[in-house]
Protein backbone atom coordinates (compact mmCIF):
# COMPACT_ATOMS: atom_id res chain seq x y z
CA MET A 1 -65.43 -109.62 199.01
CA LYS A 2 -64.86 -111.93 201.97
CA ASN A 3 -63.71 -108.98 204.13
CA ASN A 4 -66.86 -106.99 203.19
CA ILE A 5 -69.09 -109.85 204.27
CA PHE A 6 -67.17 -110.15 207.50
CA VAL A 7 -67.46 -106.40 208.19
CA ALA A 8 -71.20 -106.51 207.55
CA LEU A 9 -71.61 -109.42 209.96
CA VAL A 10 -69.67 -107.64 212.63
CA LEU A 11 -71.79 -104.51 212.19
CA LEU A 12 -74.99 -106.56 212.37
CA ASN A 13 -73.81 -108.19 215.52
CA LEU A 14 -72.95 -104.85 217.05
CA ILE A 15 -76.36 -103.43 216.12
CA SER A 16 -78.11 -106.46 217.57
CA CYS A 17 -76.50 -105.89 220.98
CA THR A 18 -79.52 -104.69 222.85
CA SER A 19 -79.64 -102.19 225.62
CA ASN A 20 -80.48 -105.10 227.92
CA GLU A 21 -77.06 -106.55 227.24
CA ARG A 22 -75.57 -103.18 228.15
CA VAL A 23 -77.57 -103.12 231.39
CA GLU A 24 -76.47 -106.67 232.16
CA GLU A 25 -72.83 -105.72 231.51
CA ASN A 26 -73.13 -102.65 233.83
CA ASN A 27 -74.74 -104.87 236.52
CA LEU A 28 -71.90 -107.37 236.14
CA GLN A 29 -69.29 -104.62 236.52
CA THR A 30 -71.03 -103.42 239.65
CA GLU A 31 -71.13 -106.97 241.01
CA ILE A 32 -67.40 -107.45 240.34
CA THR A 33 -66.64 -104.46 242.52
CA ARG A 34 -68.81 -105.79 245.37
CA SER A 35 -67.79 -109.44 245.72
CA PRO A 36 -64.88 -110.29 243.47
CA LEU A 37 -64.60 -114.04 243.85
CA GLN A 38 -68.29 -114.92 243.26
CA SER A 39 -68.59 -112.41 240.49
CA LEU A 40 -65.44 -113.65 238.75
CA ASP A 41 -66.72 -117.21 238.72
CA LYS A 42 -70.06 -116.03 237.38
CA LEU A 43 -68.36 -113.94 234.76
CA LYS A 44 -66.13 -116.80 233.74
CA PHE A 45 -69.16 -118.99 233.33
CA THR A 46 -70.82 -116.36 231.21
CA ILE A 47 -67.83 -115.94 229.02
CA ASP A 48 -67.43 -119.72 228.64
CA SER A 49 -71.14 -120.03 227.75
CA LEU A 50 -70.97 -117.32 225.14
CA ILE A 51 -67.86 -119.00 223.52
CA ASP A 52 -69.64 -122.34 223.61
CA VAL A 53 -72.39 -121.02 221.49
CA LYS A 54 -70.01 -119.11 219.26
CA GLU A 55 -71.04 -115.63 220.42
CA TYR A 56 -67.46 -114.39 220.04
CA LEU A 57 -68.29 -110.75 219.41
CA VAL A 58 -70.59 -110.55 222.51
CA ALA A 59 -67.97 -112.33 224.57
CA LYS A 60 -65.23 -110.12 223.27
CA ILE A 61 -67.19 -106.99 224.12
CA LYS A 62 -67.77 -108.17 227.66
CA LEU A 63 -64.09 -109.18 228.00
CA ASP A 64 -62.95 -105.73 226.90
CA SER A 65 -64.83 -104.08 229.72
CA VAL A 66 -63.98 -106.72 232.29
CA ILE A 67 -60.24 -106.45 231.52
CA LEU A 68 -60.43 -102.77 232.46
CA VAL A 69 -61.33 -103.88 236.02
CA ASN A 70 -59.43 -107.16 236.18
CA VAL A 71 -56.07 -106.45 234.63
CA ASP A 72 -54.36 -109.17 236.51
CA GLU A 73 -56.55 -112.07 235.57
CA PRO A 74 -54.89 -113.99 232.68
CA TYR A 75 -58.01 -116.12 231.93
CA PHE A 76 -59.68 -113.03 230.49
CA TYR A 77 -56.78 -112.17 228.16
CA PHE A 78 -56.66 -115.86 227.00
CA GLN A 79 -60.42 -115.92 226.34
CA ARG A 80 -60.40 -112.56 224.54
CA GLY A 81 -57.59 -113.97 222.35
CA VAL A 82 -59.73 -116.95 221.51
CA CYS A 83 -62.56 -114.56 220.50
CA GLN A 84 -60.30 -112.39 218.47
CA THR A 85 -58.90 -115.39 216.68
CA GLN A 86 -62.42 -116.35 215.64
CA LEU A 87 -63.17 -112.73 214.66
CA ILE A 88 -60.16 -112.63 212.41
CA MET A 89 -58.39 -110.11 214.70
CA HIS A 90 -55.16 -111.99 214.62
CA GLU A 91 -52.71 -109.24 215.64
CA GLU A 92 -54.88 -108.41 218.70
CA ALA A 93 -55.21 -112.12 219.53
CA ILE A 94 -51.42 -112.59 219.49
CA SER A 95 -51.09 -109.62 221.86
CA ASP A 96 -53.58 -111.16 224.29
CA PHE A 97 -51.98 -114.58 224.16
CA ASN A 98 -48.55 -113.02 224.89
CA LYS A 99 -50.13 -111.19 227.86
CA ALA A 100 -51.50 -114.46 229.20
CA ILE A 101 -48.07 -116.12 228.67
CA SER A 102 -46.44 -113.26 230.64
CA MET A 103 -48.87 -114.19 233.46
CA ASP A 104 -47.90 -117.88 233.34
CA TYR A 105 -51.32 -118.94 231.97
CA LYS A 106 -51.60 -121.99 229.61
CA LYS A 107 -48.22 -121.18 228.03
CA ASP A 108 -48.22 -124.18 225.58
CA VAL A 109 -51.80 -123.47 224.36
CA CYS A 110 -51.05 -119.75 224.08
CA ARG A 111 -47.95 -120.41 221.91
CA SER A 112 -49.99 -122.74 219.69
CA MET A 113 -52.66 -120.08 219.29
CA ILE A 114 -49.92 -117.50 218.58
CA LYS A 115 -48.55 -119.69 215.79
CA PHE A 116 -52.06 -120.23 214.35
CA ASN A 117 -52.67 -116.55 214.27
CA GLU A 118 -49.30 -115.83 212.71
CA LEU A 119 -50.08 -118.39 209.96
CA ALA A 120 -53.49 -116.77 209.48
CA ILE A 121 -51.83 -113.33 209.08
CA SER A 122 -49.46 -114.69 206.46
CA ASP A 123 -52.11 -116.63 204.69
CA ASN A 124 -55.39 -114.88 204.41
CA GLU A 125 -57.03 -117.94 202.91
CA ILE A 126 -57.25 -120.03 206.20
CA ASP A 127 -60.64 -121.53 206.53
CA PHE A 128 -62.28 -121.27 209.89
């Protein structure tokens, strides 16, 4: 039952992503190509803001597309791992935290997040 509710919420969030958000994401991708440093700062601010207001799915979708362009930026893997943890995508989160560790990014925090996700996998009753 809990999984069905979660799936329904995820689908509702996906449906609520308007075309304006897609246009904004495309504009952001174009901006990243033009001026990488300013755009990365703006993008990081946008991601942080989305996470602050618990818009994990929207942040994850943005991070998915941004990582395609910025594969060497560990911040994005870390933040996507945070979003995936909140979205109960534990195996994917572990993968992203391991990627961030391999890039020497917040190793202690990443290891703690990996342990948390491993516990969540082994015990489906963890309360968020």
